[in-house]
C-alpha atoms as a PDB file:
ATOM      1  CA  UNK A   1      97.112 -62.875  -7.805  1.00  0.00           C
ATOM      2  CA  UNK A   2     100.671 -61.949  -8.636  1.00  0.00           C
ATOM      3  CA  UNK A   3     103.492 -64.084  -7.301  1.00  0.00           C
ATOM      4  CA  UNK A   4     106.408 -61.727  -7.335  1.00  0.00           C
ATOM      5  CA  UNK A   5     107.888 -59.149  -4.987  1.00  0.00           C
ATOM      6  CA  UNK A   6     108.721 -55.466  -5.180  1.00  0.00           C
ATOM      7  CA  UNK A   7     112.108 -54.938  -6.823  1.00  0.00           C
ATOM      8  CA  UNK A   8     114.242 -52.322  -5.113  1.00  0.00           C
ATOM      9  CA  UNK A   9     115.652 -49.259  -6.847  1.00  0.00           C
ATOM     10  CA  UNK A  10     117.959 -46.416  -5.888  1.00  0.00           C
ATOM     11  CA  UNK A  11     114.971 -44.346  -4.767  1.00  0.00           C
ATOM     12  CA  UNK A  12     113.990 -42.117  -1.873  1.00  0.00           C
ATOM     13  CA  UNK A  13     113.578 -44.967   0.613  1.00  0.00           C
ATOM     14  CA  UNK A  14     116.929 -46.525  -0.252  1.00  0.00           C
ATOM     15  CA  UNK A  15     118.694 -43.181  -0.085  1.00  0.00           C
ATOM     16  CA  UNK A  16     117.017 -42.378   3.232  1.00  0.00           C
ATOM     17  CA  UNK A  17     118.313 -45.655   4.690  1.00  0.00           C
ATOM     18  CA  UNK A  18     121.759 -44.802   3.360  1.00  0.00           C
ATOM     19  CA  UNK A  19     121.711 -41.411   5.045  1.00  0.00           C
ATOM     20  CA  UNK A  20     120.890 -42.952   8.437  1.00  0.00           C
ATOM     21  CA  UNK A  21     123.802 -45.350   8.052  1.00  0.00           C
ATOM     22  CA  UNK A  22     126.160 -42.628   6.852  1.00  0.00           C
ATOM     23  CA  UNK A  23     125.400 -40.523   9.908  1.00  0.00           C
ATOM     24  CA  UNK A  24     126.230 -43.474  12.136  1.00  0.00           C
ATOM     25  CA  UNK A  25     129.446 -44.141  10.201  1.00  0.00           C
ATOM     26  CA  UNK A  26     130.528 -40.504  10.552  1.00  0.00           C
ATOM     27  CA  UNK A  27     129.820 -40.612  14.290  1.00  0.00           C
ATOM     28  CA  UNK A  28     131.938 -43.762  14.549  1.00  0.00           C
ATOM     29  CA  UNK A  29     134.842 -42.077  12.766  1.00  0.00           C
ATOM     30  CA  UNK A  30     134.744 -38.574  14.255  1.00  0.00           C
ATOM     31  CA  UNK A  31     132.776 -38.879  17.511  1.00  0.00           C
ATOM     32  CA  UNK A  32     131.710 -35.231  17.201  1.00  0.00           C
ATOM     33  CA  UNK A  33     135.365 -34.224  17.138  1.00  0.00           C
ATOM     34  CA  UNK A  34     137.862 -33.767  14.279  1.00  0.00           C
ATOM     35  CA  UNK A  35     140.170 -35.705  11.987  1.00  0.00           C
ATOM     36  CA  UNK A  36     143.245 -34.690  13.979  1.00  0.00           C
ATOM     37  CA  UNK A  37     145.748 -36.356  11.625  1.00  0.00           C
ATOM     38  CA  UNK A  38     144.495 -34.422   8.621  1.00  0.00           C
ATOM     39  CA  UNK A  39     144.326 -31.168  10.542  1.00  0.00           C
ATOM     40  CA  UNK A  40     147.894 -31.662  11.775  1.00  0.00           C
ATOM     41  CA  UNK A  41     149.355 -32.399   8.342  1.00  0.00           C
ATOM     42  CA  UNK A  42     147.292 -30.655   5.646  1.00  0.00           C
ATOM     43  CA  UNK A  43     146.784 -26.882   5.248  1.00  0.00           C
ATOM     44  CA  UNK A  44     143.193 -25.717   5.551  1.00  0.00           C
ATOM     45  CA  UNK A  45     143.150 -24.142   2.076  1.00  0.00           C
ATOM     46  CA  UNK A  46     144.833 -27.003   0.177  1.00  0.00           C
ATOM     47  CA  UNK A  47     142.745 -28.402  -2.711  1.00  0.00           C
ATOM     48  CA  UNK A  48     143.112 -31.753  -4.456  1.00  0.00           C
ATOM     49  CA  UNK A  49     141.733 -34.119  -7.057  1.00  0.00           C
ATOM     50  CA  UNK A  50     141.336 -37.804  -6.189  1.00  0.00           C
ATOM     51  CA  UNK A  51     139.924 -40.815  -8.004  1.00  0.00           C
ATOM     52  CA  UNK A  52     137.912 -43.708  -6.590  1.00  0.00           C
ATOM     53  CA  UNK A  53     139.499 -46.758  -8.226  1.00  0.00           C
ATOM     54  CA  UNK A  54     138.574 -50.457  -8.288  1.00  0.00           C
ATOM     55  CA  UNK A  55     141.530 -52.647  -7.309  1.00  0.00           C
ATOM     56  CA  UNK A  56     139.793 -55.731  -8.713  1.00  0.00           C
ATOM     57  CA  UNK A  57     137.153 -56.630 -11.271  1.00  0.00           C
ATOM     58  CA  UNK A  58     133.526 -56.630 -10.223  1.00  0.00           C
ATOM     59  CA  UNK A  59     130.069 -55.113 -10.620  1.00  0.00           C
ATOM     60  CA  UNK A  60     129.166 -51.557  -9.607  1.00  0.00           C
ATOM     61  CA  UNK A  61     126.397 -50.915  -7.084  1.00  0.00           C
ATOM     62  CA  UNK A  62     125.574 -47.788  -5.129  1.00  0.00           C
ATOM     63  CA  UNK A  63     127.797 -45.313  -6.955  1.00  0.00           C
ATOM     64  CA  UNK A  64     125.397 -42.621  -5.691  1.00  0.00           C
ATOM     65  CA  UNK A  65     126.553 -43.297  -2.138  1.00  0.00           C
ATOM     66  CA  UNK A  66     129.620 -41.094  -2.742  1.00  0.00           C
ATOM     67  CA  UNK A  67     127.521 -37.959  -3.210  1.00  0.00           C
ATOM     68  CA  UNK A  68     125.331 -38.954  -0.276  1.00  0.00           C
ATOM     69  CA  UNK A  69     128.387 -39.176   2.007  1.00  0.00           C
ATOM     70  CA  UNK A  70     129.629 -35.791   0.854  1.00  0.00           C
ATOM     71  CA  UNK A  71     126.223 -34.249   1.467  1.00  0.00           C
ATOM     72  CA  UNK A  72     125.800 -35.774   4.917  1.00  0.00           C
ATOM     73  CA  UNK A  73     129.276 -34.541   5.882  1.00  0.00           C
ATOM     74  CA  UNK A  74     128.534 -31.040   4.510  1.00  0.00           C
ATOM     75  CA  UNK A  75     131.429 -31.311   2.076  1.00  0.00           C
ATOM     76  CA  UNK A  76     131.294 -29.064  -0.993  1.00  0.00           C
ATOM     77  CA  UNK A  77     133.346 -31.271  -3.310  1.00  0.00           C
ATOM     78  CA  UNK A  78     132.657 -32.026  -6.958  1.00  0.00           C
ATOM     79  CA  UNK A  79     131.871 -35.665  -7.716  1.00  0.00           C
ATOM     80  CA  UNK A  80     132.034 -36.851 -11.325  1.00  0.00           C
ATOM     81  CA  UNK A  81     130.566 -40.359 -11.555  1.00  0.00           C
ATOM     82  CA  UNK A  82     132.262 -42.281 -14.382  1.00  0.00           C
ATOM     83  CA  UNK A  83     130.363 -45.581 -14.136  1.00  0.00           C
ATOM     84  CA  UNK A  84     126.751 -46.666 -13.622  1.00  0.00           C
ATOM     85  CA  UNK A  85     125.195 -49.155 -11.240  1.00  0.00           C
ATOM     86  CA  UNK A  86     125.109 -52.634 -12.737  1.00  0.00           C
ATOM     87  CA  UNK A  87     128.161 -51.969 -14.909  1.00  0.00           C
ATOM     88  CA  UNK A  88     130.840 -54.670 -15.066  1.00  0.00           C
ATOM     89  CA  UNK A  89     134.276 -53.185 -14.369  1.00  0.00           C
ATOM     90  CA  UNK A  90     137.850 -54.379 -14.661  1.00  0.00           C
ATOM     91  CA  UNK A  91     140.634 -53.929 -12.148  1.00  0.00           C
ATOM     92  CA  UNK A  92     141.941 -50.382 -12.336  1.00  0.00           C
ATOM     93  CA  UNK A  93     138.652 -48.834 -13.444  1.00  0.00           C
ATOM     94  CA  UNK A  94     138.076 -45.287 -12.215  1.00  0.00           C
ATOM     95  CA  UNK A  95     134.608 -45.134 -10.684  1.00  0.00           C
ATOM     96  CA  UNK A  96     134.433 -41.435  -9.934  1.00  0.00           C
ATOM     97  CA  UNK A  97     136.628 -38.349  -9.717  1.00  0.00           C
ATOM     98  CA  UNK A  98     136.486 -35.999  -6.727  1.00  0.00           C
ATOM     99  CA  UNK A  99     137.792 -32.470  -6.420  1.00  0.00           C
ATOM    100  CA  UNK A 100     137.651 -30.280  -3.346  1.00  0.00           C
ATOM    101  CA  UNK A 101     139.495 -29.308  -0.199  1.00  0.00           C
ATOM    102  CA  UNK A 102     142.130 -31.887   0.670  1.00  0.00           C
ATOM    103  CA  UNK A 103     141.083 -32.086   4.305  1.00  0.00           C
ATOM    104  CA  UNK A 104     137.499 -32.873   3.337  1.00  0.00           C
ATOM    105  CA  UNK A 105     138.436 -35.634   0.919  1.00  0.00           C
ATOM    106  CA  UNK A 106     140.792 -37.269   3.401  1.00  0.00           C
ATOM    107  CA  UNK A 107     138.238 -37.176   6.214  1.00  0.00           C
ATOM    108  CA  UNK A 108     135.481 -38.679   4.060  1.00  0.00           C
ATOM    109  CA  UNK A 109     137.707 -41.290   2.379  1.00  0.00           C
ATOM    110  CA  UNK A 110     137.111 -44.356   4.553  1.00  0.00           C
ATOM    111  CA  UNK A 111     133.366 -43.811   4.918  1.00  0.00           C
ATOM    112  CA  UNK A 112     132.929 -43.532   1.140  1.00  0.00           C
ATOM    113  CA  UNK A 113     135.055 -46.585   0.425  1.00  0.00           C
ATOM    114  CA  UNK A 114     133.419 -48.759   3.107  1.00  0.00           C
ATOM    115  CA  UNK A 115     129.941 -48.167   1.704  1.00  0.00           C
ATOM    116  CA  UNK A 116     130.859 -48.502  -1.947  1.00  0.00           C
ATOM    117  CA  UNK A 117     133.079 -51.536  -1.364  1.00  0.00           C
ATOM    118  CA  UNK A 118     130.308 -53.346   0.494  1.00  0.00           C
ATOM    119  CA  UNK A 119     127.651 -52.666  -2.127  1.00  0.00           C
ATOM    120  CA  UNK A 120     129.916 -53.557  -5.044  1.00  0.00           C
ATOM    121  CA  UNK A 121     130.884 -56.734  -3.189  1.00  0.00           C
ATOM    122  CA  UNK A 122     127.237 -57.780  -2.914  1.00  0.00           C
ATOM    123  CA  UNK A 123     126.603 -57.012  -6.597  1.00  0.00           C
ATOM    124  CA  UNK A 124     129.704 -58.937  -7.641  1.00  0.00           C
ATOM    125  CA  UNK A 125     128.677 -61.935  -5.532  1.00  0.00           C
ATOM    126  CA  UNK A 126     125.178 -61.862  -7.027  1.00  0.00           C
ATOM    127  CA  UNK A 127     126.587 -61.758 -10.554  1.00  0.00           C
ATOM    128  CA  UNK A 128     128.634 -64.895  -9.877  1.00  0.00           C
ATOM    129  CA  UNK A 129     125.538 -66.788  -8.783  1.00  0.00           C
ATOM    130  CA  UNK A 130     123.422 -65.494 -11.654  1.00  0.00           C
ATOM    131  CA  UNK A 131     126.017 -66.584 -14.213  1.00  0.00           C
ATOM    132  CA  UNK A 132     125.898 -70.145 -12.880  1.00  0.00           C
ATOM    133  CA  UNK A 133     122.266 -70.423 -13.997  1.00  0.00           C
ATOM    134  CA  UNK A 134     122.867 -69.450 -17.625  1.00  0.00           C
ATOM    135  CA  UNK A 135     120.799 -71.726 -19.839  1.00  0.00           C
ATOM    136  CA  UNK A 136     118.257 -72.605 -17.135  1.00  0.00           C
ATOM    137  CA  UNK A 137     114.901 -70.977 -16.397  1.00  0.00           C
ATOM    138  CA  UNK A 138     115.608 -70.543 -12.684  1.00  0.00           C
ATOM    139  CA  UNK A 139     116.280 -67.151 -11.113  1.00  0.00           C
ATOM    140  CA  UNK A 140     118.469 -66.290  -8.132  1.00  0.00           C
ATOM    141  CA  UNK A 141     116.634 -64.591  -5.255  1.00  0.00           C
ATOM    142  CA  UNK A 142     118.016 -62.936  -2.148  1.00  0.00           C
ATOM    143  CA  UNK A 143     116.669 -63.410   1.401  1.00  0.00           C
ATOM    144  CA  UNK A 144     116.126 -61.406   4.597  1.00  0.00           C
ATOM    145  CA  UNK A 145     119.518 -62.576   5.879  1.00  0.00           C
ATOM    146  CA  UNK A 146     120.921 -59.082   5.503  1.00  0.00           C
ATOM    147  CA  UNK A 147     123.054 -56.786   7.643  1.00  0.00           C
ATOM    148  CA  UNK A 148     120.687 -55.018  10.083  1.00  0.00           C
ATOM    149  CA  UNK A 149     119.882 -51.572   8.706  1.00  0.00           C
ATOM    150  CA  UNK A 150     121.399 -52.367   5.316  1.00  0.00           C
ATOM    151  CA  UNK A 151     118.536 -54.407   3.838  1.00  0.00           C
ATOM    152  CA  UNK A 152     117.337 -52.035   1.121  1.00  0.00           C
ATOM    153  CA  UNK A 153     120.912 -51.172   0.173  1.00  0.00           C
ATOM    154  CA  UNK A 154     122.075 -54.789   0.017  1.00  0.00           C
ATOM    155  CA  UNK A 155     119.001 -55.966  -1.844  1.00  0.00           C
ATOM    156  CA  UNK A 156     119.418 -53.109  -4.312  1.00  0.00           C
ATOM    157  CA  UNK A 157     122.997 -54.271  -4.840  1.00  0.00           C
ATOM    158  CA  UNK A 158     121.731 -57.815  -5.528  1.00  0.00           C
ATOM    159  CA  UNK A 159     119.617 -56.365  -8.328  1.00  0.00           C
ATOM    160  CA  UNK A 160     122.654 -54.548  -9.739  1.00  0.00           C
ATOM    161  CA  UNK A 161     124.339 -57.943  -9.975  1.00  0.00           C
ATOM    162  CA  UNK A 162     121.407 -59.450 -11.883  1.00  0.00           C
ATOM    163  CA  UNK A 163     119.676 -61.170  -8.961  1.00  0.00           C
ATOM    164  CA  UNK A 164     116.014 -60.845  -8.026  1.00  0.00           C
ATOM    165  CA  UNK A 165     114.642 -59.440  -4.769  1.00  0.00           C
ATOM    166  CA  UNK A 166     112.582 -61.721  -2.558  1.00  0.00           C
ATOM    167  CA  UNK A 167     110.299 -59.952  -0.062  1.00  0.00           C
ATOM    168  CA  UNK A 168     111.860 -56.871   1.487  1.00  0.00           C
ATOM    169  CA  UNK A 169     110.271 -57.451   4.880  1.00  0.00           C
ATOM    170  CA  UNK A 170     107.445 -59.010   6.794  1.00  0.00           C
ATOM    171  CA  UNK A 171     105.074 -56.397   5.391  1.00  0.00           C
ATOM    172  CA  UNK A 172     104.950 -57.417   1.738  1.00  0.00           C
ATOM    173  CA  UNK A 173     104.091 -61.116   1.648  1.00  0.00           C
ATOM    174  CA  UNK A 174     102.372 -63.873   3.560  1.00  0.00           C
ATOM    175  CA  UNK A 175     105.157 -66.412   3.896  1.00  0.00           C
ATOM    176  CA  UNK A 176     104.239 -69.374   6.072  1.00  0.00           C
ATOM    177  CA  UNK A 177     107.458 -70.869   7.449  1.00  0.00           C
ATOM    178  CA  UNK A 178     107.860 -74.056   9.477  1.00  0.00           C
ATOM    179  CA  UNK A 179     107.476 -72.266  12.813  1.00  0.00           C
ATOM    180  CA  UNK A 180     104.303 -70.515  11.642  1.00  0.00           C
ATOM    181  CA  UNK A 181     102.924 -73.919  10.683  1.00  0.00           C
ATOM    182  CA  UNK A 182     103.936 -75.411  14.026  1.00  0.00           C
ATOM    183  CA  UNK A 183     102.377 -72.527  15.962  1.00  0.00           C
ATOM    184  CA  UNK A 184      99.169 -72.800  13.920  1.00  0.00           C
ATOM    185  CA  UNK A 185      98.950 -76.563  14.430  1.00  0.00           C
ATOM    186  CA  UNK A 186      99.474 -76.152  18.169  1.00  0.00           C
ATOM    187  CA  UNK A 187      96.799 -73.468  18.439  1.00  0.00           C
ATOM    188  CA  UNK A 188      94.340 -75.561  16.421  1.00  0.00           C
ATOM    189  CA  UNK A 189      95.087 -78.737  18.378  1.00  0.00           C
ATOM    190  CA  UNK A 190      96.439 -80.518  15.295  1.00  0.00           C
ATOM    191  CA  UNK A 191      98.974 -83.199  16.194  1.00  0.00           C
ATOM    192  CA  UNK A 192     100.693 -83.431  12.793  1.00  0.00           C
ATOM    193  CA  UNK A 193     101.992 -80.312  11.003  1.00  0.00           C
ATOM    194  CA  UNK A 194     101.297 -82.059   7.701  1.00  0.00           C
ATOM    195  CA  UNK A 195      97.595 -82.071   8.528  1.00  0.00           C
ATOM    196  CA  UNK A 196      97.672 -78.307   9.080  1.00  0.00           C
ATOM    197  CA  UNK A 197      98.962 -77.353   5.607  1.00  0.00           C
ATOM    198  CA  UNK A 198      95.663 -77.090   3.747  1.00  0.00           C
ATOM    199  CA  UNK A 199      93.925 -75.349   6.634  1.00  0.00           C
ATOM    200  CA  UNK A 200      96.621 -72.740   7.186  1.00  0.00           C
ATOM    201  CA  UNK A 201      96.746 -71.935   3.469  1.00  0.00           C
ATOM    202  CA  UNK A 202      92.984 -71.503   3.254  1.00  0.00           C
ATOM    203  CA  UNK A 203      93.046 -69.214   6.274  1.00  0.00           C
ATOM    204  CA  UNK A 204      95.937 -67.173   4.910  1.00  0.00           C
ATOM    205  CA  UNK A 205      94.246 -66.674   1.556  1.00  0.00           C
ATOM    206  CA  UNK A 206      90.994 -65.636   3.201  1.00  0.00           C
ATOM    207  CA  UNK A 207      92.874 -63.196   5.442  1.00  0.00           C
ATOM    208  CA  UNK A 208      94.634 -61.536   2.503  1.00  0.00           C
ATOM    209  CA  UNK A 209      91.371 -61.275   0.573  1.00  0.00           C
ATOM    210  CA  UNK A 210      89.764 -59.595   3.589  1.00  0.00           C
ATOM    211  CA  UNK A 211      92.326 -56.788   3.355  1.00  0.00           C
ATOM    212  CA  UNK A 212      90.973 -55.585   0.022  1.00  0.00           C
ATOM    213  CA  UNK A 213      91.711 -55.945  -3.679  1.00  0.00           C
ATOM    214  CA  UNK A 214      94.946 -53.926  -3.741  1.00  0.00           C
ATOM    215  CA  UNK A 215      96.485 -55.818  -0.833  1.00  0.00           C
ATOM    216  CA  UNK A 216      95.321 -59.092  -2.342  1.00  0.00           C
ATOM    217  CA  UNK A 217      97.071 -58.200  -5.603  1.00  0.00           C
ATOM    218  CA  UNK A 218     100.263 -57.025  -3.901  1.00  0.00           C
ATOM    219  CA  UNK A 219     100.647 -59.826  -1.353  1.00  0.00           C
ATOM    220  CA  UNK A 220     101.817 -63.235  -2.549  1.00  0.00           C
ATOM    221  CA  UNK A 221     100.996 -66.254  -0.397  1.00  0.00           C
ATOM    222  CA  UNK A 222     103.953 -68.591   0.033  1.00  0.00           C
ATOM    223  CA  UNK A 223     104.389 -71.673   2.189  1.00  0.00           C
ATOM    224  CA  UNK A 224     107.518 -73.591   3.146  1.00  0.00           C
ATOM    225  CA  UNK A 225     107.449 -77.388   2.989  1.00  0.00           C
ATOM    226  CA  UNK A 226     110.181 -79.862   3.757  1.00  0.00           C
ATOM    227  CA  UNK A 227     108.561 -83.060   2.527  1.00  0.00           C
ATOM    228  CA  UNK A 228     106.895 -84.142  -0.692  1.00  0.00           C
ATOM    229  CA  UNK A 229     103.901 -85.243   1.357  1.00  0.00           C
ATOM    230  CA  UNK A 230     103.373 -81.652   2.505  1.00  0.00           C
ATOM    231  CA  UNK A 231     103.798 -80.470  -1.078  1.00  0.00           C
ATOM    232  CA  UNK A 232     101.049 -82.830  -2.309  1.00  0.00           C
ATOM    233  CA  UNK A 233      98.690 -81.256   0.209  1.00  0.00           C
ATOM    234  CA  UNK A 234      99.762 -77.663  -0.493  1.00  0.00           C
ATOM    235  CA  UNK A 235      99.566 -77.638  -4.295  1.00  0.00           C
ATOM    236  CA  UNK A 236      95.782 -78.180  -4.688  1.00  0.00           C
ATOM    237  CA  UNK A 237      95.366 -75.050  -2.539  1.00  0.00           C
ATOM    238  CA  UNK A 238      97.097 -73.056  -5.318  1.00  0.00           C
ATOM    239  CA  UNK A 239      99.633 -71.074  -3.280  1.00  0.00           C
ATOM    240  CA  UNK A 240     101.520 -68.499  -5.309  1.00  0.00           C
ATOM    241  CA  UNK A 241     104.866 -69.959  -4.263  1.00  0.00           C
ATOM    242  CA  UNK A 242     106.014 -73.070  -2.434  1.00  0.00           C
ATOM    243  CA  UNK A 243     109.438 -72.999  -0.819  1.00  0.00           C
ATOM    244  CA  UNK A 244     111.103 -76.414  -0.959  1.00  0.00           C
ATOM    245  CA  UNK A 245     113.372 -76.492   2.064  1.00  0.00           C
ATOM    246  CA  UNK A 246     116.593 -78.527   1.969  1.00  0.00           C
ATOM    247  CA  UNK A 247     115.349 -81.075  -0.545  1.00  0.00           C
ATOM    248  CA  UNK A 248     117.633 -83.363  -2.520  1.00  0.00           C
ATOM    249  CA  UNK A 249     117.966 -83.017  -6.284  1.00  0.00           C
ATOM    250  CA  UNK A 250     115.826 -86.118  -6.724  1.00  0.00           C
ATOM    251  CA  UNK A 251     113.124 -84.641  -4.493  1.00  0.00           C
ATOM    252  CA  UNK A 252     113.231 -81.345  -6.398  1.00  0.00           C
ATOM    253  CA  UNK A 253     112.710 -83.150  -9.706  1.00  0.00           C
ATOM    254  CA  UNK A 254     109.708 -84.979  -8.232  1.00  0.00           C
ATOM    255  CA  UNK A 255     108.412 -81.713  -6.779  1.00  0.00           C
ATOM    256  CA  UNK A 256     108.476 -80.085 -10.217  1.00  0.00           C
ATOM    257  CA  UNK A 257     106.535 -83.000 -11.698  1.00  0.00           C
ATOM    258  CA  UNK A 258     103.935 -82.730  -8.927  1.00  0.00           C
ATOM    259  CA  UNK A 259     103.604 -78.995  -9.452  1.00  0.00           C
ATOM    260  CA  UNK A 260     103.136 -79.430 -13.199  1.00  0.00           C
ATOM    261  CA  UNK A 261     100.373 -81.945 -12.522  1.00  0.00           C
ATOM    262  CA  UNK A 262      98.534 -80.331  -9.595  1.00  0.00           C
ATOM    263  CA  UNK A 263      99.073 -76.552  -9.799  1.00  0.00           C
ATOM    264  CA  UNK A 264     100.974 -75.376 -12.899  1.00  0.00           C
ATOM    265  CA  UNK A 265     100.733 -71.704 -11.949  1.00  0.00           C
ATOM    266  CA  UNK A 266     102.460 -72.195  -8.588  1.00  0.00           C
ATOM    267  CA  UNK A 267     106.112 -71.179  -8.535  1.00  0.00           C
ATOM    268  CA  UNK A 268     108.620 -73.477  -6.826  1.00  0.00           C
ATOM    269  CA  UNK A 269     111.473 -72.020  -4.807  1.00  0.00           C
ATOM    270  CA  UNK A 270     114.425 -74.141  -3.703  1.00  0.00           C
ATOM    271  CA  UNK A 271     116.225 -73.039  -0.561  1.00  0.00           C
ATOM    272  CA  UNK A 272     118.615 -74.216   2.118  1.00  0.00           C
ATOM    273  CA  UNK A 273     122.410 -74.170   2.118  1.00  0.00           C
ATOM    274  CA  UNK A 274     122.702 -73.247  -1.556  1.00  0.00           C
ATOM    275  CA  UNK A 275     126.285 -72.656  -2.730  1.00  0.00           C
ATOM    276  CA  UNK A 276     127.933 -71.762  -6.020  1.00  0.00           C
ATOM    277  CA  UNK A 277     128.769 -75.439  -6.462  1.00  0.00           C
ATOM    278  CA  UNK A 278     125.215 -76.691  -5.898  1.00  0.00           C
ATOM    279  CA  UNK A 279     123.361 -73.854  -7.645  1.00  0.00           C
ATOM    280  CA  UNK A 280     123.411 -75.074 -11.241  1.00  0.00           C
ATOM    281  CA  UNK A 281     122.303 -78.662 -10.501  1.00  0.00           C
ATOM    282  CA  UNK A 282     119.408 -77.211  -8.500  1.00  0.00           C
ATOM    283  CA  UNK A 283     118.473 -74.930 -11.400  1.00  0.00           C
ATOM    284  CA  UNK A 284     118.487 -77.854 -13.782  1.00  0.00           C
ATOM    285  CA  UNK A 285     115.748 -79.626 -11.808  1.00  0.00           C
ATOM    286  CA  UNK A 286     113.161 -77.204 -13.209  1.00  0.00           C
ATOM    287  CA  UNK A 287     112.446 -75.085 -10.125  1.00  0.00           C
ATOM    288  CA  UNK A 288     111.620 -71.441 -10.837  1.00  0.00           C
ATOM    289  CA  UNK A 289     113.441 -69.718  -8.002  1.00  0.00           C
ATOM    290  CA  UNK A 290     116.477 -70.390  -5.856  1.00  0.00           C
ATOM    291  CA  UNK A 291     116.868 -68.276  -2.728  1.00  0.00           C
ATOM    292  CA  UNK A 292     120.441 -67.753  -1.546  1.00  0.00           C
ATOM    293  CA  UNK A 293     121.284 -66.198   1.808  1.00  0.00           C
ATOM    294  CA  UNK A 294     124.960 -66.028   0.853  1.00  0.00           C
ATOM    295  CA  UNK A 295     124.202 -63.189  -1.571  1.00  0.00           C
ATOM    296  CA  UNK A 296     124.162 -60.891   1.444  1.00  0.00           C
ATOM    297  CA  UNK A 297     125.358 -62.733   4.553  1.00  0.00           C
ATOM    298  CA  UNK A 298     128.669 -64.058   3.224  1.00  0.00           C
ATOM    299  CA  UNK A 299     130.103 -61.272   1.099  1.00  0.00           C
ATOM    300  CA  UNK A 300     133.638 -59.918   0.795  1.00  0.00           C
ATOM    301  CA  UNK A 301     133.826 -56.209   0.005  1.00  0.00           C
ATOM    302  CA  UNK A 302     135.171 -55.305  -3.411  1.00  0.00           C
ATOM    303  CA  UNK A 303     138.631 -53.770  -3.003  1.00  0.00           C
ATOM    304  CA  UNK A 304     138.219 -50.080  -3.828  1.00  0.00           C
ATOM    305  CA  UNK A 305     140.706 -47.331  -3.077  1.00  0.00           C
ATOM    306  CA  UNK A 306     141.170 -43.580  -3.318  1.00  0.00           C
ATOM    307  CA  UNK A 307     144.111 -42.480  -5.498  1.00  0.00           C
ATOM    308  CA  UNK A 308     145.462 -38.968  -5.033  1.00  0.00           C
ATOM    309  CA  UNK A 309     145.961 -37.085  -8.308  1.00  0.00           C
ATOM    310  CA  UNK A 310     147.108 -33.598  -7.297  1.00  0.00           C
END
């Protein structure tokens, strides 16, 4: 059984999600009408060159979104990409150069910048977290705490920043959270959730195996625990991953020792209120994974602008 998750790429699914979002963004901006300001001030046949420029240092993600916006808006402008996703850039870096009708570039400007700024912001945030774990064996993972509709895009941006993708959705892992455990215990008539841990894990493993060899290989089984007592019960069941929820540093150290003794192949994932300040001490406890919702739910867009050249 593997204990990892699919890592997102700039592929057909990601691009398809982007196109849905771009169409919504265009509808927000134009409402099936026109860019009246541009039409009132710029001649229809005027042509221009403009550069997409980073106003601050960061990490590039989603540079392909520029061409996708142009295509969705039926704009026949040339787009020369000058950087690659995952590239570290300084303030003032030119990300791409556009040439086409002035009206088209002006109308598409905000949509292009909103998408690219958001994705670069996520990548830049991820890179900050990843750098804090230099010298440890722990990896930074994202979560499902993403902007609705943006999940593949934001998780792809996390990868561009050096982070690792946790499950994309409910479809690619069995992840038994506290409410799953509570619901299972209630249904089984078990008074103490702790007593339900071994049973729910055995049932989950049997269920995955019943789905066939490919699904069994592709579907990690993970369980969330919030006490060391639950962990002692879970580890002999050999889950692929155990999520250690809101544990202290001392508890995490003890959890690693228990894992090494009872189930060395099980990966340990620390989670719960992780910040840049707490990340490195958590990584130094010996856990394998640290999941961080802030990679996607608390991001400031990278400041990117469009500079007119001619």
